[in-house]
Amino acid sequence: MDLKLPITITDELSDDLIKSTGLLDLASGEITRVEYEDHDVALLGLPCEAEDYEFTCGILSNHGKEVEFGIKVNKTTGQYSVSADELLEIKVRAAALFAGISGQQMAESTVKPGTDAKPAAAKKAPAKKAAKPRGSAH
């Protein structure tokens, strides 16, 4: 599956923010087609090369809702990417946020293989039978 989503990228420096856009590949975590706003890379270099560079973060938006995440920058190549752990977290948080359900609701509606389709919270606990007293001869 080739799913690339548009994201907003912010490189944070001590006294400045450098904004850009790119495409996040949900399969690999690579970020491609980075286009900087008001930052000339040929003249000023990559943001991560600046002495006061601090970190980079990204935002995935959908209908006014946002998921913020950390971005790794390869200082040698300037390539932006998201770690596998961060990518998984983005997918879970985005699904919960954009679908309008909480993590608890997602967990409750998960059906385990080999069970019926009712969510765990909807199942009734079996009634307990009264234990027969031991040692009585009836």
N, C-alpha and C. Protein backbone atom coordinates (compact mmCIF):
# COMPACT_ATOMS: atom_id res chain seq x y z
N MET A 1 0.84 -1.18 0.00
CA MET A 1 0.00 0.00 0.00
C MET A 1 0.89 1.24 0.00
N ASP A 2 0.61 2.15 -0.89
CA ASP A 2 1.39 3.38 -1.02
C ASP A 2 0.54 4.54 -0.53
N LEU A 3 0.65 4.84 0.78
CA LEU A 3 -0.15 5.90 1.37
C LEU A 3 0.76 6.99 1.90
N LYS A 4 0.73 8.14 1.24
CA LYS A 4 1.54 9.29 1.66
C LYS A 4 0.59 10.43 2.00
N LEU A 5 0.78 10.97 3.21
CA LEU A 5 -0.10 12.04 3.68
C LEU A 5 0.66 13.35 3.80
N PRO A 6 0.01 14.46 3.44
CA PRO A 6 0.65 15.77 3.60
C PRO A 6 0.77 16.14 5.07
N ILE A 7 1.93 16.66 5.44
CA ILE A 7 2.17 17.09 6.82
C ILE A 7 2.80 18.48 6.82
N THR A 8 2.72 19.12 7.97
CA THR A 8 3.41 20.38 8.21
C THR A 8 4.61 20.07 9.08
N ILE A 9 5.76 20.62 8.74
CA ILE A 9 7.00 20.38 9.47
C ILE A 9 7.47 21.69 10.08
N THR A 10 7.95 21.62 11.33
CA THR A 10 8.51 22.80 11.99
C THR A 10 9.88 22.45 12.54
N ASP A 11 10.90 23.14 12.02
CA ASP A 11 12.25 23.02 12.56
C ASP A 11 12.39 24.14 13.59
N GLU A 12 12.70 23.77 14.82
CA GLU A 12 12.79 24.77 15.89
C GLU A 12 14.24 25.12 16.17
N LEU A 13 14.51 26.41 16.09
CA LEU A 13 15.81 26.95 16.45
C LEU A 13 15.60 27.76 17.72
N SER A 14 16.67 28.20 18.34
CA SER A 14 16.55 28.95 19.60
C SER A 14 15.56 30.10 19.51
N ASP A 15 15.69 30.91 18.46
CA ASP A 15 14.86 32.12 18.35
C ASP A 15 14.04 32.16 17.07
N ASP A 16 13.85 31.02 16.41
CA ASP A 16 13.17 31.04 15.13
C ASP A 16 12.48 29.71 14.86
N LEU A 17 11.43 29.75 14.08
CA LEU A 17 10.74 28.56 13.61
C LEU A 17 10.81 28.55 12.09
N ILE A 18 11.21 27.42 11.52
CA ILE A 18 11.25 27.29 10.07
C ILE A 18 10.17 26.29 9.68
N LYS A 19 9.18 26.78 8.94
CA LYS A 19 8.04 25.96 8.54
C LYS A 19 8.28 25.37 7.14
N SER A 20 7.76 24.17 6.96
CA SER A 20 7.80 23.53 5.65
C SER A 20 6.67 22.52 5.56
N THR A 21 6.48 21.97 4.38
CA THR A 21 5.50 20.91 4.17
C THR A 21 6.21 19.72 3.55
N GLY A 22 5.59 18.57 3.67
CA GLY A 22 6.16 17.36 3.08
C GLY A 22 5.11 16.27 3.02
N LEU A 23 5.54 15.10 2.55
CA LEU A 23 4.66 13.95 2.48
C LEU A 23 5.22 12.84 3.37
N LEU A 24 4.40 12.36 4.31
CA LEU A 24 4.78 11.28 5.21
C LEU A 24 4.30 9.96 4.62
N ASP A 25 5.25 9.05 4.38
CA ASP A 25 4.94 7.71 3.89
C ASP A 25 4.57 6.85 5.10
N LEU A 26 3.30 6.44 5.19
CA LEU A 26 2.83 5.68 6.35
C LEU A 26 3.37 4.26 6.38
N ALA A 27 3.98 3.79 5.30
CA ALA A 27 4.55 2.45 5.29
C ALA A 27 5.99 2.46 5.81
N SER A 28 6.77 3.46 5.42
CA SER A 28 8.20 3.48 5.75
C SER A 28 8.59 4.52 6.80
N GLY A 29 7.78 5.55 6.95
CA GLY A 29 8.14 6.64 7.86
C GLY A 29 8.99 7.71 7.20
N GLU A 30 9.34 7.54 5.93
CA GLU A 30 10.14 8.55 5.23
C GLU A 30 9.27 9.76 4.91
N ILE A 31 9.90 10.93 4.95
CA ILE A 31 9.22 12.17 4.61
C ILE A 31 9.90 12.72 3.36
N THR A 32 9.11 12.90 2.31
CA THR A 32 9.63 13.35 1.03
C THR A 32 8.97 14.66 0.61
N ARG A 33 9.48 15.21 -0.48
CA ARG A 33 8.96 16.44 -1.09
C ARG A 33 8.85 17.59 -0.08
N VAL A 34 9.91 17.78 0.69
CA VAL A 34 9.94 18.86 1.68
C VAL A 34 10.11 20.19 0.95
N GLU A 35 9.20 21.11 1.21
CA GLU A 35 9.24 22.45 0.62
C GLU A 35 9.20 23.47 1.74
N TYR A 36 10.27 24.26 1.86
CA TYR A 36 10.37 25.25 2.93
C TYR A 36 9.62 26.52 2.57
N GLU A 37 9.03 27.14 3.61
CA GLU A 37 8.38 28.44 3.46
C GLU A 37 9.36 29.50 3.95
N ASP A 38 9.65 30.47 3.15
CA ASP A 38 10.51 31.60 3.54
C ASP A 38 11.87 31.16 4.07
N HIS A 39 12.45 30.10 3.49
CA HIS A 39 13.79 29.65 3.88
C HIS A 39 14.50 29.14 2.63
N ASP A 40 15.55 29.82 2.24
CA ASP A 40 16.32 29.46 1.05
C ASP A 40 17.45 28.51 1.47
N VAL A 41 17.28 27.22 1.19
CA VAL A 41 18.27 26.21 1.57
C VAL A 41 19.61 26.47 0.88
N ALA A 42 19.58 26.89 -0.39
CA ALA A 42 20.82 27.15 -1.12
C ALA A 42 21.63 28.27 -0.48
N LEU A 43 20.95 29.26 0.07
CA LEU A 43 21.62 30.40 0.69
C LEU A 43 21.91 30.18 2.18
N LEU A 44 20.95 29.62 2.91
CA LEU A 44 21.05 29.50 4.36
C LEU A 44 21.41 28.10 4.87
N GLY A 45 21.35 27.10 3.99
CA GLY A 45 21.61 25.72 4.41
C GLY A 45 20.38 25.08 5.02
N LEU A 46 20.53 23.82 5.37
CA LEU A 46 19.43 23.11 6.00
C LEU A 46 19.22 23.63 7.42
N PRO A 47 17.99 23.67 7.90
CA PRO A 47 17.75 24.14 9.27
C PRO A 47 18.55 23.36 10.32
N CYS A 48 18.71 22.05 10.13
CA CYS A 48 19.42 21.22 11.10
C CYS A 48 20.92 21.54 11.16
N GLU A 49 21.43 22.28 10.18
CA GLU A 49 22.83 22.68 10.17
C GLU A 49 23.10 23.96 10.95
N ALA A 50 22.05 24.66 11.34
CA ALA A 50 22.20 25.92 12.08
C ALA A 50 22.75 25.63 13.48
N GLU A 51 23.59 26.52 13.98
CA GLU A 51 24.18 26.35 15.32
C GLU A 51 23.13 26.30 16.41
N ASP A 52 22.01 27.01 16.24
CA ASP A 52 20.98 27.05 17.28
C ASP A 52 19.80 26.11 17.00
N TYR A 53 20.01 25.12 16.11
CA TYR A 53 18.98 24.11 15.82
C TYR A 53 18.69 23.31 17.09
N GLU A 54 17.40 23.09 17.38
CA GLU A 54 17.01 22.34 18.57
C GLU A 54 16.34 21.01 18.22
N PHE A 55 15.23 21.04 17.49
CA PHE A 55 14.54 19.80 17.13
C PHE A 55 13.55 20.07 16.01
N THR A 56 12.95 18.98 15.49
CA THR A 56 11.96 19.07 14.42
C THR A 56 10.73 18.27 14.81
N CYS A 57 9.57 18.83 14.52
CA CYS A 57 8.32 18.12 14.78
C CYS A 57 7.40 18.25 13.57
N GLY A 58 6.41 17.39 13.52
CA GLY A 58 5.47 17.40 12.41
C GLY A 58 4.04 17.41 12.91
N ILE A 59 3.14 17.83 12.03
CA ILE A 59 1.72 17.84 12.36
C ILE A 59 0.95 17.25 11.18
N LEU A 60 0.12 16.27 11.51
CA LEU A 60 -0.79 15.67 10.55
C LEU A 60 -2.17 16.25 10.86
N SER A 61 -2.82 16.86 9.88
CA SER A 61 -4.11 17.53 10.11
C SER A 61 -5.20 16.89 9.27
N ASN A 62 -6.43 16.92 9.85
CA ASN A 62 -7.59 16.43 9.12
C ASN A 62 -8.82 17.11 9.70
N HIS A 63 -9.48 17.92 8.90
CA HIS A 63 -10.71 18.61 9.30
C HIS A 63 -10.57 19.34 10.63
N GLY A 64 -9.49 20.08 10.81
CA GLY A 64 -9.29 20.89 12.00
C GLY A 64 -8.72 20.14 13.20
N LYS A 65 -8.52 18.83 13.06
CA LYS A 65 -7.94 18.04 14.14
C LYS A 65 -6.48 17.76 13.78
N GLU A 66 -5.62 17.72 14.81
CA GLU A 66 -4.19 17.58 14.55
C GLU A 66 -3.55 16.51 15.43
N VAL A 67 -2.54 15.85 14.87
CA VAL A 67 -1.70 14.92 15.61
C VAL A 67 -0.27 15.42 15.44
N GLU A 68 0.39 15.73 16.58
CA GLU A 68 1.78 16.22 16.54
C GLU A 68 2.71 15.06 16.87
N PHE A 69 3.89 15.06 16.23
CA PHE A 69 4.85 13.97 16.41
C PHE A 69 6.27 14.45 16.18
N GLY A 70 7.21 13.70 16.70
CA GLY A 70 8.62 14.03 16.54
C GLY A 70 9.16 13.52 15.21
N ILE A 71 10.10 14.26 14.66
CA ILE A 71 10.73 13.90 13.39
C ILE A 71 12.23 13.83 13.60
N LYS A 72 12.85 12.78 13.05
CA LYS A 72 14.30 12.66 13.07
C LYS A 72 14.85 13.29 11.80
N VAL A 73 16.00 13.95 11.94
CA VAL A 73 16.65 14.55 10.78
C VAL A 73 18.06 13.98 10.66
N ASN A 74 18.35 13.41 9.50
CA ASN A 74 19.70 12.94 9.21
C ASN A 74 20.52 14.17 8.83
N LYS A 75 21.42 14.58 9.71
CA LYS A 75 22.17 15.82 9.48
C LYS A 75 23.14 15.72 8.31
N THR A 76 23.49 14.52 7.90
CA THR A 76 24.39 14.36 6.75
C THR A 76 23.65 14.55 5.44
N THR A 77 22.46 13.96 5.33
CA THR A 77 21.71 14.01 4.08
C THR A 77 20.57 15.03 4.09
N GLY A 78 20.15 15.46 5.29
CA GLY A 78 19.01 16.37 5.40
C GLY A 78 17.67 15.65 5.28
N GLN A 79 17.70 14.31 5.22
CA GLN A 79 16.48 13.52 5.08
C GLN A 79 15.68 13.51 6.38
N TYR A 80 14.39 13.79 6.26
CA TYR A 80 13.48 13.75 7.40
C TYR A 80 12.83 12.37 7.43
N SER A 81 12.60 11.85 8.65
CA SER A 81 11.91 10.56 8.78
C SER A 81 11.30 10.45 10.17
N VAL A 82 10.48 9.42 10.33
CA VAL A 82 9.84 9.13 11.59
C VAL A 82 10.24 7.71 11.97
N SER A 83 10.59 7.48 13.23
CA SER A 83 10.99 6.15 13.68
C SER A 83 9.80 5.20 13.61
N ALA A 84 10.07 3.90 13.60
CA ALA A 84 9.00 2.90 13.53
C ALA A 84 8.05 3.03 14.72
N ASP A 85 8.59 3.25 15.92
CA ASP A 85 7.74 3.42 17.11
C ASP A 85 6.87 4.65 17.00
N GLU A 86 7.47 5.74 16.55
CA GLU A 86 6.72 7.00 16.40
C GLU A 86 5.65 6.84 15.32
N LEU A 87 5.98 6.14 14.24
CA LEU A 87 5.03 5.92 13.15
C LEU A 87 3.81 5.13 13.63
N LEU A 88 4.04 4.10 14.43
CA LEU A 88 2.94 3.32 14.99
C LEU A 88 2.06 4.20 15.88
N GLU A 89 2.69 5.01 16.71
CA GLU A 89 1.93 5.90 17.59
C GLU A 89 1.12 6.90 16.78
N ILE A 90 1.69 7.42 15.70
CA ILE A 90 0.96 8.36 14.82
C ILE A 90 -0.29 7.69 14.28
N LYS A 91 -0.14 6.46 13.80
CA LYS A 91 -1.27 5.74 13.21
C LYS A 91 -2.38 5.52 14.24
N VAL A 92 -2.01 5.11 15.45
CA VAL A 92 -3.01 4.86 16.50
C VAL A 92 -3.69 6.16 16.91
N ARG A 93 -2.89 7.19 17.17
CA ARG A 93 -3.46 8.47 17.60
C ARG A 93 -4.32 9.09 16.51
N ALA A 94 -3.87 9.01 15.26
CA ALA A 94 -4.63 9.59 14.16
C ALA A 94 -5.95 8.85 13.97
N ALA A 95 -5.91 7.53 14.05
CA ALA A 95 -7.15 6.75 13.90
C ALA A 95 -8.14 7.12 14.99
N ALA A 96 -7.66 7.22 16.21
CA ALA A 96 -8.54 7.57 17.33
C ALA A 96 -9.09 8.99 17.18
N LEU A 97 -8.21 9.92 16.86
CA LEU A 97 -8.63 11.32 16.77
C LEU A 97 -9.55 11.56 15.58
N PHE A 98 -9.15 11.08 14.41
CA PHE A 98 -9.92 11.37 13.21
C PHE A 98 -11.21 10.57 13.12
N ALA A 99 -11.25 9.41 13.79
CA ALA A 99 -12.48 8.61 13.80
C ALA A 99 -13.41 9.05 14.92
N GLY A 100 -12.91 9.87 15.84
CA GLY A 100 -13.74 10.39 16.92
C GLY A 100 -14.00 9.41 18.04
N ILE A 101 -13.12 8.43 18.22
CA ILE A 101 -13.29 7.49 19.32
C ILE A 101 -12.05 7.51 20.19
N SER A 102 -12.24 7.17 21.46
CA SER A 102 -11.12 7.18 22.40
C SER A 102 -10.35 5.87 22.32
N GLY A 103 -9.15 5.87 22.88
CA GLY A 103 -8.34 4.67 22.95
C GLY A 103 -9.05 3.57 23.72
N GLN A 104 -9.77 3.96 24.78
CA GLN A 104 -10.53 2.99 25.59
C GLN A 104 -11.62 2.35 24.74
N GLN A 105 -12.31 3.15 23.95
CA GLN A 105 -13.36 2.60 23.09
C GLN A 105 -12.77 1.67 22.04
N MET A 106 -11.59 2.03 21.51
CA MET A 106 -10.93 1.16 20.54
C MET A 106 -10.59 -0.18 21.18
N ALA A 107 -10.07 -0.14 22.41
CA ALA A 107 -9.69 -1.37 23.11
C ALA A 107 -10.91 -2.22 23.42
N GLU A 108 -12.00 -1.58 23.82
CA GLU A 108 -13.21 -2.32 24.16
C GLU A 108 -13.86 -2.95 22.94
N SER A 109 -13.69 -2.35 21.78
CA SER A 109 -14.34 -2.87 20.59
C SER A 109 -13.47 -3.87 19.84
N THR A 110 -12.28 -4.14 20.33
CA THR A 110 -11.40 -5.09 19.68
C THR A 110 -11.92 -6.50 19.91
N VAL A 111 -12.03 -7.26 18.83
CA VAL A 111 -12.49 -8.63 18.91
C VAL A 111 -11.29 -9.55 18.74
N LYS A 112 -11.12 -10.47 19.67
CA LYS A 112 -10.01 -11.40 19.59
C LYS A 112 -10.37 -12.54 18.63
N PRO A 113 -9.38 -13.03 17.88
CA PRO A 113 -9.64 -14.14 16.97
C PRO A 113 -10.20 -15.34 17.73
N GLY A 114 -11.19 -16.01 17.14
CA GLY A 114 -11.76 -17.20 17.75
C GLY A 114 -12.89 -16.92 18.73
N THR A 115 -13.28 -15.64 18.86
CA THR A 115 -14.38 -15.30 19.77
C THR A 115 -15.52 -14.75 18.94
N ASP A 116 -16.68 -14.57 19.57
CA ASP A 116 -17.79 -13.99 18.83
C ASP A 116 -17.55 -12.49 18.62
N ALA A 117 -18.40 -11.86 17.86
CA ALA A 117 -18.16 -10.47 17.46
C ALA A 117 -18.58 -9.43 18.47
N LYS A 118 -19.06 -9.81 19.64
CA LYS A 118 -19.46 -8.83 20.64
C LYS A 118 -18.23 -8.23 21.31
N PRO A 119 -18.21 -6.91 21.52
CA PRO A 119 -17.11 -6.31 22.28
C PRO A 119 -17.09 -6.84 23.70
N ALA A 120 -15.93 -6.86 24.30
CA ALA A 120 -15.76 -7.40 25.66
C ALA A 120 -16.70 -6.73 26.66
N ALA A 121 -16.92 -5.43 26.54
CA ALA A 121 -17.74 -4.71 27.51
C ALA A 121 -19.21 -5.11 27.40
N ALA A 122 -19.64 -5.62 26.23
CA ALA A 122 -21.05 -5.94 26.03
C ALA A 122 -21.39 -7.36 26.48
N LYS A 123 -20.41 -8.19 26.71
CA LYS A 123 -20.66 -9.57 27.13
C LYS A 123 -21.06 -9.61 28.59
N LYS A 124 -22.02 -10.50 28.90
CA LYS A 124 -22.43 -10.69 30.28
C LYS A 124 -21.56 -11.77 30.90
N ALA A 125 -21.22 -11.58 32.16
CA ALA A 125 -20.46 -12.59 32.88
C ALA A 125 -21.40 -13.74 33.19
N PRO A 126 -20.94 -15.00 33.07
CA PRO A 126 -21.82 -16.13 33.38
C PRO A 126 -22.21 -16.11 34.85
N ALA A 127 -23.44 -16.51 35.12
CA ALA A 127 -23.93 -16.56 36.50
C ALA A 127 -23.21 -17.67 37.25
N LYS A 128 -22.86 -17.40 38.51
CA LYS A 128 -22.18 -18.40 39.32
C LYS A 128 -23.22 -19.32 39.95
N LYS A 129 -22.90 -20.62 39.96
CA LYS A 129 -23.77 -21.58 40.60
C LYS A 129 -23.38 -21.68 42.07
N ALA A 130 -24.39 -21.91 42.91
CA ALA A 130 -24.10 -22.08 44.34
C ALA A 130 -23.38 -23.39 44.54
N ALA A 131 -22.32 -23.36 45.32
CA ALA A 131 -21.55 -24.57 45.59
C ALA A 131 -22.29 -25.46 46.56
N LYS A 132 -22.25 -26.78 46.31
CA LYS A 132 -22.89 -27.72 47.22
C LYS A 132 -21.97 -27.93 48.42
N PRO A 133 -22.53 -28.01 49.59
CA PRO A 133 -21.70 -28.26 50.76
C PRO A 133 -21.07 -29.66 50.66
N ARG A 134 -19.82 -29.76 51.06
CA ARG A 134 -19.11 -31.04 51.01
C ARG A 134 -19.45 -31.87 52.23
N GLY A 135 -19.41 -33.13 52.02
CA GLY A 135 -19.58 -34.04 53.14
C GLY A 135 -21.01 -34.31 53.50
N SER A 136 -21.97 -33.70 52.85
CA SER A 136 -23.35 -34.00 53.20
C SER A 136 -23.87 -35.12 52.31
N ALA A 137 -24.60 -36.00 52.86
CA ALA A 137 -25.11 -37.15 52.12
C ALA A 137 -26.57 -36.92 51.82
N HIS A 138 -26.88 -36.48 50.70
CA HIS A 138 -28.28 -36.24 50.29
C HIS A 138 -28.69 -37.23 49.29
